[in-house]
Amino acid sequence: MARRDFGYLPRENPCAQCGAPIAAPDWTENGPRRISYLWHCKACDYKFEAVAFYDASHSDQQALAA
């Protein structure tokens, strides 16, 4: 079985609805100068998306917002 490295994923993001910590996003999607995270709170069943945008002059590791 292949091992996936999740070291780059955000951890313990608070739920946008109830504030409970969410261990890791359910889904990530990379695009040009952005990365999207889909979060699902198991405490209140709320689902939401967070998007980080990158400035063209910055490397892909320096998010402007999340």
C-alpha atoms as a PDB file:
ATOM      1  CA  MET A   1       0.000   0.000   0.000  1.00  0.00           C
ATOM      2  CA  ALA A   2       1.338   3.438  -0.906  1.00  0.00           C
ATOM      3  CA  ARG A   3       1.938   5.875   1.918  1.00  0.00           C
ATOM      4  CA  ARG A   4       0.640   9.402   1.422  1.00  0.00           C
ATOM      5  CA  ASP A   5       2.414  12.354   3.045  1.00  0.00           C
ATOM      6  CA  PHE A   6      -0.102  14.662   4.719  1.00  0.00           C
ATOM      7  CA  GLY A   7       2.507  16.858   6.407  1.00  0.00           C
ATOM      8  CA  TYR A   8       1.536  19.899   4.343  1.00  0.00           C
ATOM      9  CA  LEU A   9      -2.182  19.802   5.253  1.00  0.00           C
ATOM     10  CA  PRO A  10      -3.629  22.218   7.799  1.00  0.00           C
ATOM     11  CA  ARG A  11      -4.528  20.562  11.085  1.00  0.00           C
ATOM     12  CA  GLU A  12      -7.131  21.237  13.797  1.00  0.00           C
ATOM     13  CA  ASN A  13      -8.980  23.887  11.779  1.00  0.00           C
ATOM     14  CA  PRO A  14     -12.017  25.115  13.745  1.00  0.00           C
ATOM     15  CA  CYS A  15     -15.488  24.451  12.334  1.00  0.00           C
ATOM     16  CA  ALA A  16     -17.021  27.585  10.808  1.00  0.00           C
ATOM     17  CA  GLN A  17     -20.380  26.685  12.405  1.00  0.00           C
ATOM     18  CA  CYS A  18     -19.710  25.354  15.916  1.00  0.00           C
ATOM     19  CA  GLY A  19     -15.953  25.949  16.443  1.00  0.00           C
ATOM     20  CA  ALA A  20     -15.063  22.301  17.117  1.00  0.00           C
ATOM     21  CA  PRO A  21     -11.586  21.361  15.841  1.00  0.00           C
ATOM     22  CA  ILE A  22     -11.468  19.349  12.591  1.00  0.00           C
ATOM     23  CA  ALA A  23      -8.427  17.081  12.358  1.00  0.00           C
ATOM     24  CA  ALA A  24      -7.789  17.445   8.592  1.00  0.00           C
ATOM     25  CA  PRO A  25      -9.653  18.463   5.435  1.00  0.00           C
ATOM     26  CA  ASP A  26     -11.657  15.831   3.551  1.00  0.00           C
ATOM     27  CA  TRP A  27     -10.484  17.102   0.180  1.00  0.00           C
ATOM     28  CA  THR A  28      -7.868  19.461  -1.253  1.00  0.00           C
ATOM     29  CA  GLU A  29      -7.645  20.868  -4.738  1.00  0.00           C
ATOM     30  CA  ASN A  30      -4.760  22.823  -6.228  1.00  0.00           C
ATOM     31  CA  GLY A  31      -5.288  25.437  -8.897  1.00  0.00           C
ATOM     32  CA  PRO A  32      -3.270  28.254 -10.399  1.00  0.00           C
ATOM     33  CA  ARG A  33      -2.130  30.393  -7.432  1.00  0.00           C
ATOM     34  CA  ARG A  34      -4.712  28.859  -5.066  1.00  0.00           C
ATOM     35  CA  ILE A  35      -5.496  25.798  -2.986  1.00  0.00           C
ATOM     36  CA  SER A  36      -8.991  24.818  -1.795  1.00  0.00           C
ATOM     37  CA  TYR A  37      -9.807  22.761   1.283  1.00  0.00           C
ATOM     38  CA  LEU A  38     -13.136  21.011   1.902  1.00  0.00           C
ATOM     39  CA  TRP A  39     -13.872  20.597   5.602  1.00  0.00           C
ATOM     40  CA  HIS A  40     -16.543  18.428   7.278  1.00  0.00           C
ATOM     41  CA  CYS A  41     -17.306  18.801  10.971  1.00  0.00           C
ATOM     42  CA  LYS A  42     -18.304  15.513  12.540  1.00  0.00           C
ATOM     43  CA  ALA A  43     -19.601  17.322  15.651  1.00  0.00           C
ATOM     44  CA  CYS A  44     -22.360  19.294  13.864  1.00  0.00           C
ATOM     45  CA  ASP A  45     -22.252  17.818  10.305  1.00  0.00           C
ATOM     46  CA  TYR A  46     -21.463  21.231   8.768  1.00  0.00           C
ATOM     47  CA  LYS A  47     -19.443  21.294   5.526  1.00  0.00           C
ATOM     48  CA  PHE A  48     -17.515  24.297   4.248  1.00  0.00           C
ATOM     49  CA  GLU A  49     -14.708  25.248   1.888  1.00  0.00           C
ATOM     50  CA  ALA A  50     -11.681  27.407   2.635  1.00  0.00           C
ATOM     51  CA  VAL A  51      -9.507  28.803  -0.154  1.00  0.00           C
ATOM     52  CA  ALA A  52      -5.947  30.115   0.125  1.00  0.00           C
ATOM     53  CA  PHE A  53      -4.787  32.463  -2.644  1.00  0.00           C
ATOM     54  CA  TYR A  54      -1.150  33.020  -3.534  1.00  0.00           C
ATOM     55  CA  ASP A  55       0.350  36.204  -4.921  1.00  0.00           C
ATOM     56  CA  ALA A  56       2.042  35.639  -8.303  1.00  0.00           C
ATOM     57  CA  SER A  57       5.295  37.034  -6.890  1.00  0.00           C
ATOM     58  CA  HIS A  58       5.354  34.541  -3.983  1.00  0.00           C
ATOM     59  CA  SER A  59       6.207  30.873  -3.939  1.00  0.00           C
ATOM     60  CA  ASP A  60       3.404  28.292  -3.647  1.00  0.00           C
ATOM     61  CA  GLN A  61       4.177  27.861   0.062  1.00  0.00           C
ATOM     62  CA  GLN A  62       3.225  31.413   1.120  1.00  0.00           C
ATOM     63  CA  ALA A  63      -0.553  31.781   1.332  1.00  0.00           C
ATOM     64  CA  LEU A  64      -2.106  35.245   1.466  1.00  0.00           C
ATOM     65  CA  ALA A  65      -5.398  34.067   3.007  1.00  0.00           C
ATOM     66  CA  ALA A  66      -7.074  30.874   4.117  1.00  0.00           C
END
